[in-house]
Amino acid sequence: MDRKTDLTETSTLSVAIVGSGGSGVVTIGKILLESIARFGLFALMSRSSGPQIRGGESAVMLRIGSSPVDSLDDDFDLLLALDWLNAERFSDEIPITENSLILADPDKGALPDHYNHTANRQLLTPLSELAKSIEQGRANMVGLGVLSSLIGLPRTIVCEAARDTLGQKGAAVLEATLKCIDLGYSETPEERYFAPLSAPETIQPRWNISGNEASGFGALQGGVRFVAAYPITPASEILEWLAPNLEKSGGSLVQAEDELASINMIIGASFGGVPSLTATSGPGLSLMMEGLGLAVASETPVVVSNVMRGGPSTGIPTKSEQSDLNLALYGFHGDAPHIVLSALSIRDCAFTTEWAVKLAETLQAVAIVLTDQSQGQARAVIQPPSRTSLEGKRKLASATEHYQRYALSEDDVSPMAIPGDSNCIYTADGLEHNQQGVPSAMAEDHQRQLDKRRQKLTRFDYGDDWAEITGEGDICLITWGSATGATREAAARLNRAGHPTQVLAVRLLAPLSVERFRQVTGSAAKLLVVEQNHGGQFFEYLNAQRALPQQAQSLAQPGPLPIRPNVIYNRIMQGL
């Protein structure tokens, strides 16, 4: 049986929706994703838009599975086109095959040559004409009904999801929506294009969440109670989610005038004893580097959530790329040890951000969390996130006559005083200092403080959370961040093809656990480092850390197209 004709542990169904501005593409996606969650399945939904700042054509891409879904598939089984205006812009992002089904409105233009010549199966349905039969009817809701019926979602669940999603639109809009969905179901042909989705016997709790929302949730779980940030695509949703939820938790959020102000605000709040975070993307992180150096020198814990996008410069703000790694690792001036983490999935955004906050607090350090647009602005139906076991508390100072803020302690973490204690007054600035915090240009003080700031990070026991290791075999696929989902799926295909493969997905990028890394990869005969950037930044970093053997190879693909499992699978198969 073809892996796409039935929904099993290893099979999924992929759906794409395209349309011009105002056609309601995203609304369909939201209702469909909520329906899938209620049905007890998992799904990943990503969005794409043209180069316009606002409005214009858009696309939604979903992949549905009976187990967690962390990447898009190689191609799509069903494409719903509300219209074809500028749809060719998405042809690379929405690959189809001769077995794909195209559901389109014949009154909204002819199929573009690319799709017309590729797909043998076409279902032309007059969505806009049908919608006119209902007062305030919308073609997108008729299309939602047809699509949902084709893939086997129960009508009652789709209508319930529509009520919750559109309830604030008013009774008239909701009534018209439900009638349009019903009409779509009634207009679906009896021919079965797909095996219907099958609900699990027991429906476990599911979360419908975006990566940015998960990052915000993880920040709250970690104890963050102050956020200052300047809006930037694609990180702004972190701030939008945190603004009301921080207030409910007794915290506050300030929109700063720019990134320079925001980084200094959170350093000040943290100096005052409040765990603090800012969210940004590559251009903003560049502006924050001088301030982050101050946090390193003064050992003030702060967290930066950096949602990467295509670069350099303004680049492609609405598309994804793992191209800020070098900036996060090396962007500081001077020797400035700090923590760099990467979330391995939308679900993992919550865990990794919580862990980052608690690591920063425990180690009095700067922590940068790398996610990207494909995680942050995508939504997924997931299992509830896991929690870190790290307590994440600061080592606080007690009143003493001879308080030394930067004392050389056994674990290199010195007690930190909260302002207001007259017995624990100290200077916290960017100048090098001695153990008391008094500015010093002496070589001995500089050497001691350099060692202290580095050793407290490199000697700390990060436990098993430094990476996630799945499978075993002579082939080892090494990856990080959002490339993890496609890499794991490629490994599953290689295993089914008789080529035992393991995946090493690294969460703690700096300081790199080199010895543990070598233990995992040491017996592998073939190693491939997978990442989404042009220069192979992670591959080069691993080589600089002397973590990779000579036979390791790089698969570095820049954005904006996602890395698909078949690219990784074919690269390995070509070398066998």
Protein backbone atom coordinates (compact mmCIF):
# COMPACT_ATOMS: atom_id res chain seq x y z
CA MET A 1 0.00 0.00 0.00
CA ASP A 2 1.27 3.48 -0.84
CA ARG A 3 2.35 5.32 2.31
CA LYS A 4 -0.09 8.14 1.58
CA THR A 5 -3.27 6.17 0.90
CA ASP A 6 -3.94 5.29 4.52
CA LEU A 7 -3.19 7.06 7.78
CA THR A 8 -0.89 4.80 9.78
CA GLU A 9 2.03 5.34 12.11
CA THR A 10 4.27 6.15 9.16
CA SER A 11 1.78 7.79 6.79
CA THR A 12 0.43 11.31 6.63
CA LEU A 13 -1.85 13.45 4.52
CA SER A 14 -0.65 16.82 3.19
CA VAL A 15 -3.02 19.63 2.21
CA ALA A 16 -2.27 23.06 0.74
CA ILE A 17 -4.61 26.04 0.25
CA VAL A 18 -3.87 29.09 -1.91
CA GLY A 19 -5.75 32.28 -2.69
CA SER A 20 -5.47 36.03 -3.13
CA GLY A 21 -5.71 38.62 -0.39
CA GLY A 22 -9.07 38.58 1.38
CA SER A 23 -10.07 35.14 0.07
CA GLY A 24 -9.86 33.60 3.54
CA VAL A 25 -7.03 31.11 3.09
CA VAL A 26 -5.69 31.49 6.63
CA THR A 27 -9.18 31.21 8.12
CA ILE A 28 -9.63 27.82 6.45
CA GLY A 29 -6.28 26.72 7.84
CA LYS A 30 -7.14 27.76 11.40
CA ILE A 31 -10.50 25.98 11.39
CA LEU A 32 -9.02 22.89 9.76
CA LEU A 33 -6.18 22.71 12.30
CA GLU A 34 -8.59 23.07 15.22
CA SER A 35 -10.80 20.36 13.71
CA ILE A 36 -7.83 18.01 13.49
CA ALA A 37 -6.98 18.64 17.14
CA ARG A 38 -10.55 17.86 18.21
CA PHE A 39 -10.51 14.71 16.07
CA GLY A 40 -7.54 13.45 18.08
CA LEU A 41 -4.84 13.64 15.39
CA PHE A 42 -1.66 15.69 15.08
CA ALA A 43 -0.81 18.30 12.47
CA LEU A 44 1.66 20.97 11.41
CA MET A 45 0.46 24.13 9.65
CA SER A 46 2.82 26.61 8.03
CA ARG A 47 1.94 29.79 6.19
CA SER A 48 3.47 31.65 3.29
CA SER A 49 2.86 34.99 1.67
CA GLY A 50 4.19 37.05 -1.20
CA PRO A 51 6.67 39.91 -0.82
CA GLN A 52 4.00 42.46 0.08
CA ILE A 53 3.99 44.06 3.52
CA ARG A 54 0.31 43.48 4.03
CA GLY A 55 -2.47 41.64 2.22
CA GLY A 56 -1.95 39.94 -1.12
CA GLU A 57 -1.81 36.27 -2.00
CA SER A 58 -1.15 33.70 0.69
CA ALA A 59 -0.82 29.96 1.16
CA VAL A 60 -1.40 27.57 4.02
CA MET A 61 0.26 24.16 4.13
CA LEU A 62 -0.85 21.39 6.51
CA ARG A 63 0.40 17.93 7.21
CA ILE A 64 -1.84 15.60 9.22
CA GLY A 65 -0.69 12.47 11.03
CA SER A 66 -1.64 10.00 13.73
CA SER A 67 1.66 10.74 15.50
CA PRO A 68 3.40 14.09 16.10
CA VAL A 69 4.26 15.95 12.88
CA ASP A 70 7.41 18.11 12.89
CA SER A 71 8.08 18.74 9.19
CA LEU A 72 6.33 19.15 5.87
CA ASP A 73 6.33 16.21 3.45
CA ASP A 74 8.04 16.06 0.05
CA ASP A 75 4.83 16.96 -1.80
CA PHE A 76 1.11 17.57 -1.28
CA ASP A 77 -1.80 15.21 -1.71
CA LEU A 78 -4.49 17.88 -2.07
CA LEU A 79 -4.35 21.48 -3.26
CA LEU A 80 -7.38 23.74 -2.76
CA ALA A 81 -7.20 26.89 -4.90
CA LEU A 82 -9.77 29.55 -4.04
CA ASP A 83 -8.33 31.44 -7.01
CA TRP A 84 -5.10 31.41 -9.02
CA LEU A 85 -4.01 35.06 -8.65
CA ASN A 86 -0.19 34.98 -8.32
CA ALA A 87 -0.42 31.35 -7.18
CA GLU A 88 2.68 30.56 -9.25
CA ARG A 89 4.70 32.28 -6.52
CA PHE A 90 4.05 29.22 -4.37
CA SER A 91 4.80 26.57 -6.96
CA ASP A 92 8.19 25.74 -5.42
CA GLU A 93 6.76 25.68 -1.90
CA ILE A 94 3.78 23.49 -2.86
CA PRO A 95 5.14 20.63 -4.97
CA ILE A 96 2.54 18.21 -6.33
CA THR A 97 2.67 14.91 -8.21
CA GLU A 98 0.49 13.23 -10.81
CA ASN A 99 -1.42 11.57 -7.94
CA SER A 100 -2.23 14.86 -6.23
CA LEU A 101 -5.81 16.14 -6.30
CA ILE A 102 -6.48 19.76 -7.24
CA LEU A 103 -9.74 21.22 -5.93
CA ALA A 104 -10.41 24.52 -7.70
CA ASP A 105 -13.14 26.97 -8.64
CA PRO A 106 -13.47 27.02 -12.47
CA ASP A 107 -14.86 30.57 -12.28
CA LYS A 108 -11.62 31.85 -10.77
CA GLY A 109 -9.34 31.30 -13.73
CA ALA A 110 -7.69 28.41 -15.52
CA LEU A 111 -5.18 26.18 -13.80
CA PRO A 112 -1.62 27.43 -14.30
CA ASP A 113 0.36 25.28 -16.72
CA HIS A 114 2.59 23.96 -13.93
CA TYR A 115 -0.35 22.44 -12.06
CA ASN A 116 -2.45 21.56 -15.09
CA HIS A 117 0.34 19.47 -16.63
CA THR A 118 1.33 17.76 -13.38
CA ALA A 119 -1.87 16.72 -11.62
CA ASN A 120 -4.00 14.07 -13.32
CA ARG A 121 -6.77 14.37 -10.74
CA GLN A 122 -8.80 17.59 -10.76
CA LEU A 123 -12.08 18.37 -9.01
CA LEU A 124 -13.55 21.61 -10.36
CA THR A 125 -16.28 22.93 -8.07
CA PRO A 126 -18.02 26.35 -8.44
CA LEU A 127 -17.30 27.47 -4.88
CA SER A 128 -18.06 31.16 -5.42
CA GLU A 129 -21.29 30.42 -7.28
CA LEU A 130 -22.46 28.05 -4.54
CA ALA A 131 -21.66 30.64 -1.87
CA LYS A 132 -23.99 33.15 -3.56
CA SER A 133 -26.95 30.94 -2.69
CA ILE A 134 -26.41 31.78 0.99
CA GLU A 135 -26.79 35.27 2.44
CA GLN A 136 -23.30 36.48 3.45
CA GLY A 137 -21.93 33.21 2.09
CA ARG A 138 -18.19 32.87 1.54
CA ALA A 139 -16.52 30.67 -1.07
CA ASN A 140 -13.73 29.76 1.33
CA MET A 141 -16.19 28.18 3.78
CA VAL A 142 -17.81 26.16 1.00
CA GLY A 143 -14.29 25.06 0.05
CA LEU A 144 -13.60 24.12 3.67
CA GLY A 145 -16.68 21.89 3.64
CA VAL A 146 -15.66 20.13 0.43
CA LEU A 147 -12.05 19.69 1.58
CA SER A 148 -13.05 18.39 5.03
CA SER A 149 -15.48 15.94 3.49
CA LEU A 150 -12.86 14.69 1.02
CA ILE A 151 -10.38 13.83 3.78
CA GLY A 152 -13.01 12.37 6.10
CA LEU A 153 -13.33 14.92 8.91
CA PRO A 154 -16.76 14.68 10.58
CA ARG A 155 -19.00 17.62 9.79
CA THR A 156 -19.95 18.15 13.44
CA ILE A 157 -16.31 18.59 14.48
CA VAL A 158 -15.59 21.07 11.67
CA CYS A 159 -18.67 23.11 12.60
CA GLU A 160 -17.67 23.13 16.27
CA ALA A 161 -14.20 24.35 15.34
CA ALA A 162 -15.73 27.04 13.12
CA ARG A 163 -17.94 28.23 15.99
CA ASP A 164 -14.96 28.63 18.29
CA THR A 165 -12.77 30.24 15.64
CA LEU A 166 -15.35 32.69 14.28
CA GLY A 167 -17.63 33.14 17.28
CA GLN A 168 -16.63 36.78 17.74
CA LYS A 169 -17.67 37.65 14.18
CA GLY A 170 -21.33 37.75 15.17
CA ALA A 171 -24.37 35.49 14.83
CA ALA A 172 -25.09 36.33 11.19
CA VAL A 173 -21.56 35.55 10.01
CA LEU A 174 -21.45 32.34 12.02
CA GLU A 175 -24.81 31.17 10.68
CA ALA A 176 -23.70 31.81 7.10
CA THR A 177 -20.40 30.03 7.76
CA LEU A 178 -22.09 26.88 9.05
CA LYS A 179 -24.50 26.84 6.10
CA CYS A 180 -21.57 27.15 3.68
CA ILE A 181 -19.72 24.29 5.36
CA ASP A 182 -22.86 22.14 5.17
CA LEU A 183 -23.24 23.04 1.49
CA GLY A 184 -19.64 22.04 0.84
CA TYR A 185 -20.23 18.64 2.43
CA SER A 186 -23.37 18.10 0.32
CA GLU A 187 -21.53 19.04 -2.89
CA THR A 188 -18.68 16.57 -2.37
CA PRO A 189 -18.71 13.74 -4.94
CA GLU A 190 -19.13 10.20 -3.72
CA GLU A 191 -15.81 9.17 -5.25
CA ARG A 192 -13.21 8.54 -2.54
CA TYR A 193 -9.96 10.24 -3.43
CA PHE A 194 -8.38 9.44 -0.06
CA ALA A 195 -8.88 6.91 2.66
CA PRO A 196 -10.79 8.82 5.37
CA LEU A 197 -8.93 10.02 8.43
CA SER A 198 -9.28 7.67 11.37
CA ALA A 199 -9.61 8.95 14.93
CA PRO A 200 -7.70 7.18 17.72
CA GLU A 201 -9.66 5.05 20.17
CA THR A 202 -8.75 7.37 23.02
CA ILE A 203 -8.26 11.08 22.42
CA GLN A 204 -5.47 12.45 24.59
CA PRO A 205 -5.09 16.16 25.45
CA ARG A 206 -3.80 18.16 22.49
CA TRP A 207 -2.46 21.70 22.30
CA ASN A 208 -3.01 23.91 19.25
CA ILE A 209 -0.10 26.33 19.47
CA SER A 210 2.48 28.24 17.44
CA GLY A 211 6.21 28.16 18.09
CA ASN A 212 6.20 31.80 19.18
CA GLU A 213 3.37 31.14 21.62
CA ALA A 214 5.22 28.10 22.94
CA SER A 215 8.35 30.22 23.45
CA GLY A 216 6.30 32.74 25.41
CA PHE A 217 4.79 29.96 27.50
CA GLY A 218 8.24 28.52 28.20
CA ALA A 219 9.45 31.94 29.31
CA LEU A 220 6.63 32.17 31.85
CA GLN A 221 7.30 28.62 33.04
CA GLY A 222 10.94 29.54 33.52
CA GLY A 223 10.03 32.48 35.74
CA VAL A 224 10.34 35.49 33.41
CA ARG A 225 8.38 38.41 34.81
CA PHE A 226 9.74 41.31 32.75
CA VAL A 227 9.99 41.63 28.97
CA ALA A 228 11.15 44.60 26.93
CA ALA A 229 11.29 44.37 23.16
CA TYR A 230 10.87 46.17 19.87
CA PRO A 231 8.53 44.45 17.36
CA ILE A 232 10.19 42.65 14.46
CA THR A 233 9.12 39.96 12.01
CA PRO A 234 8.94 37.03 12.71
CA ALA A 235 9.28 37.39 16.52
CA SER A 236 6.48 39.85 17.30
CA GLU A 237 3.93 37.15 18.19
CA ILE A 238 6.02 36.21 21.22
CA LEU A 239 5.44 39.70 22.55
CA GLU A 240 1.76 39.71 21.57
CA TRP A 241 1.21 36.49 23.49
CA LEU A 242 3.27 37.53 26.50
CA ALA A 243 1.73 41.00 26.93
CA PRO A 244 -1.56 39.81 28.49
CA ASN A 245 -0.20 36.61 30.00
CA LEU A 246 2.71 38.30 31.78
CA GLU A 247 0.25 40.66 33.42
CA LYS A 248 -1.85 37.72 34.63
CA SER A 249 1.32 36.29 36.20
CA GLY A 250 2.27 39.50 37.97
CA GLY A 251 4.82 40.62 35.38
CA SER A 252 4.93 43.35 32.77
CA LEU A 253 6.00 44.02 29.19
CA VAL A 254 7.36 47.26 27.77
CA GLN A 255 7.57 48.07 24.06
CA ALA A 256 10.92 49.82 23.80
CA GLU A 257 11.78 52.47 21.24
CA ASP A 258 14.39 50.19 19.65
CA GLU A 259 16.50 47.10 20.26
CA LEU A 260 19.25 49.07 22.00
CA ALA A 261 16.77 50.24 24.61
CA SER A 262 15.13 46.83 25.02
CA ILE A 263 18.37 44.97 25.80
CA ASN A 264 19.42 47.56 28.35
CA MET A 265 15.97 47.52 29.95
CA ILE A 266 16.08 43.79 30.59
CA ILE A 267 19.65 44.03 31.92
CA GLY A 268 18.46 46.65 34.38
CA ALA A 269 15.42 44.61 35.41
CA SER A 270 17.54 41.51 35.91
CA PHE A 271 20.09 43.50 37.92
CA GLY A 272 17.13 44.37 40.15
CA GLY A 273 16.31 40.70 40.67
CA VAL A 274 13.60 40.04 38.08
CA PRO A 275 14.16 37.26 35.48
CA SER A 276 13.96 39.05 32.12
CA LEU A 277 13.75 38.33 28.40
CA THR A 278 13.63 40.04 25.05
CA ALA A 279 12.58 38.67 21.65
CA THR A 280 13.99 39.69 18.30
CA SER A 281 15.33 38.51 14.94
CA GLY A 282 18.72 38.77 13.25
CA PRO A 283 18.89 42.55 12.61
CA GLY A 284 17.77 43.23 16.17
CA LEU A 285 20.22 40.76 17.67
CA SER A 286 23.04 42.59 15.87
CA LEU A 287 22.04 45.83 17.61
CA MET A 288 21.93 44.11 21.00
CA MET A 289 25.47 42.75 20.97
CA GLU A 290 27.13 45.60 22.88
CA GLY A 291 24.49 45.41 25.59
CA LEU A 292 24.83 41.63 25.81
CA GLY A 293 28.57 42.11 26.34
CA LEU A 294 27.70 44.24 29.38
CA ALA A 295 25.51 41.42 30.69
CA VAL A 296 28.37 38.94 30.26
CA ALA A 297 30.91 41.20 31.96
CA SER A 298 28.60 42.04 34.87
CA GLU A 299 27.30 38.43 35.05
CA THR A 300 23.71 39.59 34.83
CA PRO A 301 21.35 36.82 33.62
CA VAL A 302 19.25 37.67 30.55
CA VAL A 303 17.57 35.66 27.80
CA VAL A 304 17.21 36.60 24.14
CA SER A 305 14.73 34.68 22.01
CA ASN A 306 15.96 35.10 18.42
CA VAL A 307 13.50 34.00 15.73
CA MET A 308 15.68 33.68 12.64
CA ARG A 309 14.69 34.79 9.14
CA GLY A 310 16.33 34.96 5.72
CA GLY A 311 19.27 37.35 5.52
CA PRO A 312 21.59 39.17 5.29
CA SER A 313 20.37 42.73 6.01
CA THR A 314 16.59 42.97 5.60
CA GLY A 315 16.78 39.74 3.60
CA ILE A 316 13.49 37.84 3.44
CA PRO A 317 11.64 38.76 6.66
CA THR A 318 8.69 36.42 6.07
CA LYS A 319 10.73 33.32 5.25
CA SER A 320 12.85 30.97 7.33
CA GLU A 321 16.58 30.34 7.46
CA GLN A 322 18.98 29.05 10.13
CA SER A 323 21.51 31.73 9.29
CA ASP A 324 22.01 33.57 12.61
CA LEU A 325 24.10 30.82 14.19
CA ASN A 326 27.44 32.54 13.58
CA LEU A 327 26.05 35.79 14.96
CA ALA A 328 24.76 34.07 18.10
CA LEU A 329 28.05 32.21 18.63
CA TYR A 330 30.61 34.83 17.63
CA GLY A 331 28.87 38.23 17.49
CA PHE A 332 30.26 39.47 20.80
CA HIS A 333 33.48 41.47 20.98
CA GLY A 334 36.14 40.19 23.33
CA ASP A 335 36.00 36.82 25.06
CA ALA A 336 32.37 36.65 26.16
CA PRO A 337 31.25 33.12 27.15
CA HIS A 338 27.51 32.66 26.90
CA ILE A 339 24.86 30.00 26.27
CA VAL A 340 23.31 29.31 22.85
CA LEU A 341 20.35 26.94 22.58
CA SER A 342 18.16 25.77 19.71
CA ALA A 343 14.57 24.53 19.92
CA LEU A 344 14.11 21.25 18.04
CA SER A 345 10.39 21.60 17.23
CA ILE A 346 7.36 23.78 17.90
CA ARG A 347 6.66 21.73 21.01
CA ASP A 348 10.29 22.04 22.08
CA CYS A 349 10.14 25.85 21.91
CA ALA A 350 8.45 25.74 25.31
CA PHE A 351 10.97 23.39 26.92
CA THR A 352 14.05 25.05 25.45
CA THR A 353 12.98 28.58 26.41
CA GLU A 354 12.13 27.49 29.95
CA TRP A 355 15.49 25.73 30.19
CA ALA A 356 17.26 28.82 28.86
CA VAL A 357 15.71 31.05 31.53
CA LYS A 358 16.64 28.65 34.30
CA LEU A 359 20.17 28.14 32.98
CA ALA A 360 20.66 31.90 32.75
CA GLU A 361 19.44 32.38 36.32
CA THR A 362 21.48 29.48 37.71
CA LEU A 363 24.70 30.45 35.94
CA GLN A 364 24.23 34.24 35.93
CA ALA A 365 24.77 34.18 32.19
CA VAL A 366 23.46 35.37 28.84
CA ALA A 367 21.35 32.75 27.04
CA ILE A 368 20.34 33.08 23.38
CA VAL A 369 17.55 30.79 22.15
CA LEU A 370 17.48 30.22 18.39
CA THR A 371 14.17 29.39 16.74
CA ASP A 372 13.14 30.49 13.25
CA GLN A 373 10.19 31.61 11.16
CA SER A 374 9.24 28.06 10.21
CA GLN A 375 8.83 27.27 13.92
CA GLY A 376 7.72 30.61 15.30
CA GLN A 377 4.93 31.46 12.88
CA ALA A 378 3.79 27.91 12.19
CA ARG A 379 1.12 26.22 14.28
CA ALA A 380 0.95 22.60 15.34
CA VAL A 381 -1.30 20.20 17.18
CA ILE A 382 1.04 18.77 19.80
CA GLN A 383 1.19 16.81 23.01
CA PRO A 384 1.55 19.07 26.09
CA PRO A 385 5.19 20.24 26.39
CA SER A 386 7.56 18.67 28.89
CA ARG A 387 9.22 20.58 31.73
CA THR A 388 12.86 20.88 32.75
CA SER A 389 13.88 19.47 36.11
CA LEU A 390 16.34 22.32 36.70
CA GLU A 391 15.19 24.53 39.55
CA GLY A 392 16.75 27.64 38.03
CA LYS A 393 17.31 29.82 41.09
CA ARG A 394 19.94 32.52 41.54
CA LYS A 395 22.60 32.15 44.15
CA LEU A 396 21.71 35.17 46.29
CA ALA A 397 24.07 37.03 48.60
CA SER A 398 23.52 37.46 52.30
CA ALA A 399 24.67 40.48 54.31
CA THR A 400 28.38 40.44 54.99
CA GLU A 401 31.08 42.93 55.86
CA HIS A 402 33.31 41.84 53.02
CA TYR A 403 30.92 41.13 50.16
CA GLN A 404 32.67 40.09 46.96
CA ARG A 405 30.26 40.10 44.05
CA TYR A 406 32.71 38.33 41.74
CA ALA A 407 34.36 36.03 44.26
CA LEU A 408 36.20 33.02 42.87
CA SER A 409 33.91 30.28 44.14
CA GLU A 410 34.17 26.52 43.73
CA ASP A 411 31.54 26.43 40.98
CA ASP A 412 32.58 29.86 39.61
CA VAL A 413 29.10 31.26 40.35
CA SER A 414 29.27 34.08 42.89
CA PRO A 415 26.39 35.18 45.15
CA MET A 416 24.43 38.00 43.51
CA ALA A 417 23.04 40.81 45.66
CA ILE A 418 19.77 42.59 45.02
CA PRO A 419 20.06 46.40 45.06
CA GLY A 420 19.09 47.96 48.38
CA ASP A 421 21.21 45.85 50.70
CA SER A 422 23.70 48.32 52.20
CA ASN A 423 26.06 45.48 53.15
CA CYS A 424 26.24 44.13 49.58
CA ILE A 425 26.85 47.20 47.45
CA TYR A 426 28.88 46.62 44.30
CA THR A 427 29.61 48.12 40.91
CA ALA A 428 28.17 46.36 37.86
CA ASP A 429 29.45 47.85 34.63
CA GLY A 430 31.32 46.85 31.50
CA LEU A 431 34.80 47.44 32.86
CA GLU A 432 36.95 44.54 33.92
CA HIS A 433 37.05 44.25 37.68
CA ASN A 434 38.45 42.40 40.65
CA GLN A 435 36.49 40.12 42.97
CA GLN A 436 34.87 43.07 44.76
CA GLY A 437 33.68 44.58 41.47
CA VAL A 438 36.15 47.46 41.55
CA PRO A 439 37.34 48.33 38.00
CA SER A 440 40.79 46.89 37.35
CA ALA A 441 43.23 46.79 34.43
CA MET A 442 45.56 44.31 36.13
CA ALA A 443 46.39 41.24 34.07
CA GLU A 444 45.84 38.94 37.05
CA ASP A 445 42.30 40.20 37.65
CA HIS A 446 41.47 39.97 33.94
CA GLN A 447 42.76 36.39 33.74
CA ARG A 448 40.84 35.30 36.82
CA GLN A 449 37.55 36.80 35.70
CA LEU A 450 37.94 35.43 32.16
CA ASP A 451 38.50 31.95 33.59
CA LYS A 452 35.60 32.33 35.98
CA ARG A 453 33.11 33.40 33.32
CA ARG A 454 34.13 30.56 31.02
CA GLN A 455 34.44 27.78 33.59
CA LYS A 456 31.04 28.30 35.18
CA LEU A 457 29.52 27.39 31.79
CA THR A 458 31.89 24.63 30.69
CA ARG A 459 31.97 22.83 34.07
CA PHE A 460 28.23 22.82 34.60
CA ASP A 461 26.42 19.49 34.21
CA TYR A 462 23.70 20.06 31.61
CA GLY A 463 22.50 16.45 31.87
CA ASP A 464 20.85 14.66 28.98
CA ASP A 465 19.01 17.74 27.72
CA TRP A 466 22.03 18.90 25.70
CA ALA A 467 20.69 16.87 22.74
CA GLU A 468 18.05 14.38 21.64
CA ILE A 469 19.39 11.10 20.25
CA THR A 470 17.12 8.74 18.35
CA GLY A 471 17.90 5.42 16.70
CA GLU A 472 21.23 3.72 16.22
CA GLY A 473 23.31 2.62 13.27
CA ASP A 474 26.37 3.18 11.10
CA ILE A 475 24.77 6.27 9.56
CA CYS A 476 24.54 9.33 11.79
CA LEU A 477 22.53 12.41 10.81
CA ILE A 478 23.51 15.47 12.85
CA THR A 479 21.24 18.50 12.97
CA TRP A 480 19.83 21.33 15.05
CA GLY A 481 16.74 23.51 15.33
CA SER A 482 13.92 23.33 12.80
CA ALA A 483 15.84 20.94 10.51
CA THR A 484 15.31 18.22 13.11
CA GLY A 485 11.86 17.10 11.92
CA ALA A 486 12.87 16.46 8.31
CA THR A 487 16.12 14.82 9.44
CA ARG A 488 14.30 12.37 11.71
CA GLU A 489 11.86 11.48 8.97
CA ALA A 490 14.71 10.86 6.53
CA ALA A 491 16.29 8.58 9.15
CA ALA A 492 13.02 6.66 9.52
CA ARG A 493 12.93 6.10 5.76
CA LEU A 494 16.55 4.95 5.74
CA ASN A 495 15.83 2.50 8.54
CA ARG A 496 12.85 1.10 6.65
CA ALA A 497 15.09 0.73 3.60
CA GLY A 498 17.48 -1.42 5.63
CA HIS A 499 20.11 1.23 6.47
CA PRO A 500 20.29 1.64 10.27
CA THR A 501 20.47 5.35 11.04
CA GLN A 502 20.62 7.46 14.16
CA VAL A 503 19.88 11.17 14.58
CA LEU A 504 21.77 13.52 16.86
CA ALA A 505 19.73 16.72 17.28
CA VAL A 506 21.74 19.23 19.32
CA ARG A 507 19.84 21.56 21.66
CA LEU A 508 22.83 23.02 23.55
CA LEU A 509 24.98 24.62 20.85
CA ALA A 510 27.31 26.54 23.16
CA PRO A 511 29.10 25.50 25.16
CA LEU A 512 29.22 22.40 22.99
CA SER A 513 29.41 19.09 24.84
CA VAL A 514 32.29 17.86 22.68
CA GLU A 515 33.03 14.65 24.58
CA ARG A 516 29.41 13.56 24.61
CA PHE A 517 29.14 14.51 20.95
CA ARG A 518 32.09 12.27 20.09
CA GLN A 519 30.66 9.41 22.13
CA VAL A 520 27.49 9.48 20.05
CA THR A 521 29.15 9.88 16.66
CA GLY A 522 32.40 7.99 17.18
CA SER A 523 31.29 4.63 15.76
CA ALA A 524 29.42 6.00 12.74
CA ALA A 525 30.83 5.17 9.32
CA LYS A 526 28.88 7.91 7.56
CA LEU A 527 28.03 11.30 9.07
CA LEU A 528 25.98 14.08 7.52
CA VAL A 529 25.34 17.49 9.10
CA VAL A 530 21.96 18.90 8.02
CA GLU A 531 21.03 22.58 8.34
CA GLN A 532 19.15 25.36 6.54
CA ASN A 533 21.69 28.01 5.63
CA HIS A 534 24.04 28.65 2.73
CA GLY A 535 27.43 28.43 4.40
CA GLY A 536 27.11 25.28 6.51
CA GLN A 537 27.53 27.31 9.69
CA PHE A 538 26.90 24.43 12.11
CA PHE A 539 29.17 22.11 10.13
CA GLU A 540 31.99 24.68 10.26
CA TYR A 541 31.38 25.29 13.97
CA LEU A 542 31.58 21.57 14.76
CA ASN A 543 34.84 21.34 12.84
CA ALA A 544 36.21 24.35 14.71
CA GLN A 545 35.34 22.57 17.96
CA ARG A 546 37.11 19.43 16.64
CA ALA A 547 33.93 17.46 17.21
CA LEU A 548 33.66 15.88 13.73
CA PRO A 549 35.73 13.14 12.16
CA GLN A 550 37.19 13.68 8.70
CA GLN A 551 34.54 11.64 6.90
CA ALA A 552 31.69 13.94 8.01
CA GLN A 553 29.90 15.78 5.21
CA SER A 554 27.64 18.82 5.04
CA LEU A 555 24.14 19.23 3.64
CA ALA A 556 23.46 22.96 3.88
CA GLN A 557 20.45 24.31 2.02
CA PRO A 558 19.50 27.99 2.29
CA GLY A 559 15.94 29.20 2.70
CA PRO A 560 13.28 30.03 1.94
CA LEU A 561 12.31 26.51 0.84
CA PRO A 562 12.16 24.04 3.74
CA ILE A 563 14.51 21.07 3.84
CA ARG A 564 12.39 18.11 2.82
CA PRO A 565 13.04 14.52 3.95
CA ASN A 566 13.69 13.23 0.42
CA VAL A 567 16.63 15.63 -0.02
CA ILE A 568 18.36 14.13 3.02
CA TYR A 569 17.37 10.57 2.13
CA ASN A 570 18.64 10.88 -1.46
CA ARG A 571 21.93 12.42 -0.33
CA ILE A 572 22.65 9.41 1.88
CA MET A 573 21.49 6.86 -0.69
CA GLN A 574 23.72 8.39 -3.37
CA GLY A 575 26.75 7.79 -1.19
CA LEU A 576 25.97 4.16 -0.30
